[in-house]
Protein backbone atom coordinates (compact mmCIF):
# COMPACT_ATOMS: atom_id res chain seq x y z
CA MET A 1 -169.71 37.99 80.86
CA LYS A 2 -171.36 35.37 83.02
CA THR A 3 -174.65 36.18 84.70
CA ILE A 4 -174.16 37.02 88.36
CA ASN A 5 -176.42 34.95 90.59
CA HIS A 6 -178.04 36.25 93.75
CA LEU A 7 -177.28 34.28 96.93
CA GLN A 8 -179.20 34.61 100.16
CA THR A 9 -180.01 32.33 103.06
CA LYS A 10 -183.00 31.74 105.22
CA PRO A 11 -183.56 29.63 108.31
CA SER A 12 -185.16 26.35 107.33
CA SER A 13 -185.69 22.83 108.59
CA ARG A 14 -185.80 19.34 107.21
CA TYR A 15 -189.53 18.93 107.85
CA ASN A 16 -192.39 21.37 108.08
CA ASP A 17 -194.65 21.41 111.14
CA PHE A 18 -197.26 19.10 109.63
CA ASP A 19 -194.98 16.63 107.86
CA PRO A 20 -195.71 13.07 109.08
CA GLU A 21 -192.18 12.03 108.01
CA GLN A 22 -190.68 13.96 110.93
CA GLU A 23 -192.08 11.42 113.40
CA GLY A 24 -189.02 9.66 114.81
CA ASN A 25 -186.63 11.52 112.51
CA LYS A 26 -184.26 14.36 113.34
CA ASN A 27 -185.75 17.62 112.17
CA THR A 28 -182.43 19.38 111.52
CA LYS A 29 -182.60 23.17 111.28
CA PHE A 30 -180.10 24.93 109.01
CA ALA A 31 -179.36 27.98 106.85
CA ASP A 32 -180.91 27.15 103.48
CA LEU A 33 -179.02 28.48 100.48
CA ILE A 34 -181.30 30.39 98.13
CA ILE A 35 -179.88 30.99 94.65
CA ASP A 36 -181.90 33.34 92.46
CA GLY A 37 -184.97 32.63 94.59
CA GLN A 38 -184.61 28.81 94.43
CA SER A 39 -183.80 26.72 97.52
CA LEU A 40 -180.72 24.54 97.03
CA TYR A 41 -182.10 22.20 99.71
CA GLN A 42 -185.39 21.76 97.83
CA THR A 43 -183.57 21.34 94.50
CA LEU A 44 -181.49 18.48 95.93
CA LYS A 45 -184.02 17.15 98.46
CA GLU A 46 -184.15 13.72 96.78
CA HIS A 47 -180.71 13.00 98.30
CA ASP A 48 -182.02 13.48 101.90
CA MET A 49 -179.18 15.80 102.91
CA VAL A 50 -179.19 19.29 104.40
CA PRO A 51 -177.01 22.36 103.84
CA VAL A 52 -173.89 22.50 106.03
CA LEU A 53 -174.28 26.13 107.04
CA GLY A 54 -175.94 27.48 110.17
CA TRP A 55 -175.93 24.43 112.46
CA GLY A 56 -173.61 22.22 114.47
CA SER A 57 -171.08 23.28 117.09
CA ASP A 58 -169.57 26.77 117.01
CA GLU A 59 -166.25 25.24 115.94
CA TYR A 60 -167.89 23.27 113.10
CA GLN A 61 -169.79 26.34 111.86
CA ARG A 62 -166.63 28.48 111.86
CA GLN A 63 -164.73 25.78 109.96
CA ILE A 64 -167.46 25.51 107.31
CA ILE A 65 -167.57 29.30 106.91
CA ASP A 66 -163.77 29.32 106.50
CA TYR A 67 -164.11 26.67 103.78
CA PHE A 68 -166.73 28.67 101.90
CA LEU A 69 -164.65 31.85 102.18
CA LEU A 70 -161.60 29.93 100.93
CA LYS A 71 -159.60 30.63 104.10
CA GLN A 72 -158.62 26.96 104.28
CA ALA A 73 -158.74 23.96 101.98
CA HIS A 74 -160.70 20.87 102.92
CA PRO A 75 -158.33 18.21 104.33
CA TYR A 76 -159.00 15.63 101.59
CA LEU A 77 -161.31 17.30 99.06
CA TYR A 78 -158.92 20.28 98.68
CA HIS A 79 -160.87 22.90 96.70
CA ARG A 80 -164.11 20.93 96.79
CA TYR A 81 -166.29 21.49 99.81
CA PRO A 82 -169.25 19.61 101.26
CA ILE A 83 -172.33 21.75 100.72
CA LEU A 84 -175.04 19.26 101.82
CA VAL A 85 -174.46 16.56 104.42
CA CYS A 86 -176.18 13.93 106.56
CA PRO A 87 -178.98 15.60 108.55
CA TRP A 88 -178.28 13.43 111.60
CA CYS A 89 -174.57 13.99 112.16
CA ALA A 90 -173.04 16.00 109.26
CA ASP A 91 -170.40 13.26 108.98
CA GLU A 92 -169.12 13.07 105.41
CA GLU A 93 -168.81 9.28 105.71
CA CYS A 94 -172.62 9.14 105.71
CA GLY A 95 -172.61 10.77 102.27
CA PHE A 96 -172.44 14.34 101.04
CA ILE A 97 -172.82 16.62 98.06
CA SER A 98 -169.75 18.70 97.28
CA VAL A 99 -169.03 21.71 95.11
CA LEU A 100 -165.86 23.14 93.62
CA ILE A 101 -165.45 26.72 94.87
CA GLU A 102 -163.14 29.15 93.09
CA ARG A 103 -162.49 32.86 93.35
CA LYS A 104 -161.58 34.85 90.26
CA GLU A 105 -161.00 38.48 91.18
CA ASP A 106 -164.25 39.69 92.75
CA VAL A 107 -166.37 36.70 91.69
CA ILE A 108 -166.91 33.39 93.51
CA ILE A 109 -167.81 30.42 91.32
CA TRP A 110 -169.64 27.30 92.48
CA ARG A 111 -169.42 24.54 89.90
CA ASP A 112 -169.01 20.83 89.39
CA PHE A 113 -171.51 19.63 92.01
CA LYS A 114 -171.02 15.95 92.90
CA LEU A 115 -172.67 13.32 95.07
CA ASP A 116 -170.06 11.61 97.27
CA SER A 117 -167.33 13.47 95.33
CA ASP A 118 -167.62 11.31 92.20
CA LYS A 119 -171.17 11.30 90.79
CA PRO A 120 -171.94 14.51 88.86
CA ILE A 121 -175.12 16.46 89.66
CA ASP A 122 -176.43 18.62 86.84
CA ILE A 123 -176.78 22.05 88.47
CA GLY A 124 -174.71 25.21 88.26
CA PRO A 125 -172.36 26.80 87.72
CA PHE A 126 -173.27 29.79 89.88
CA TYR A 127 -171.43 33.12 90.03
CA PHE A 128 -171.59 35.47 93.03
CA LYS A 129 -170.10 38.90 93.72
CA TRP A 130 -167.42 38.41 96.38
CA ALA A 131 -168.54 41.23 98.73
CA ASP A 132 -172.18 40.06 98.77
CA TYR A 133 -171.17 36.40 99.00
CA LYS A 134 -168.82 37.00 101.93
CA LYS A 135 -171.53 38.81 103.91
CA VAL A 136 -174.16 36.12 103.22
CA ILE A 137 -171.81 33.28 104.22
CA ASN A 138 -170.64 35.04 107.39
CA ASP A 139 -174.24 35.79 108.37
CA THR A 140 -175.09 32.07 108.47
CA PHE A 141 -173.22 31.62 111.76
CA GLY A 142 -175.68 30.57 114.45
CA THR A 143 -178.73 30.56 112.14
CA ALA A 144 -180.06 27.38 113.73
CA GLY A 145 -177.80 27.27 116.79
CA ILE A 146 -176.00 24.23 118.11
CA GLN A 147 -177.70 20.91 117.35
């Protein structure tokens, strides 16, 4: 039996209030993904991307939630989904980190993290209980509003 991970989110932003790097940069606000108490954003911060959940237009947020809940496949990544994207525009052409998301009975699995869909990143896999996962993902809607 695989260890079940605990997923939660919290509102976060690219820069803290006193960070001199935010001068002239977009301080994107988002729903940070916290896995077993560890921020996914902080873990992958070296790539200068932000989590996809909790920001952007209403339509964009609903589409991302549908991806994470496996209601629709990504148009060209299929069962891989962008999980961190460009903090300026969220456009995947600017670069992204993706994850393979699978559901096996009542467990969701995140595995095979990749930078730009072809360079492996050594984190995961993570296993989440479906009911808890579904609630956490749905609750990200509107975390940081429209940006």
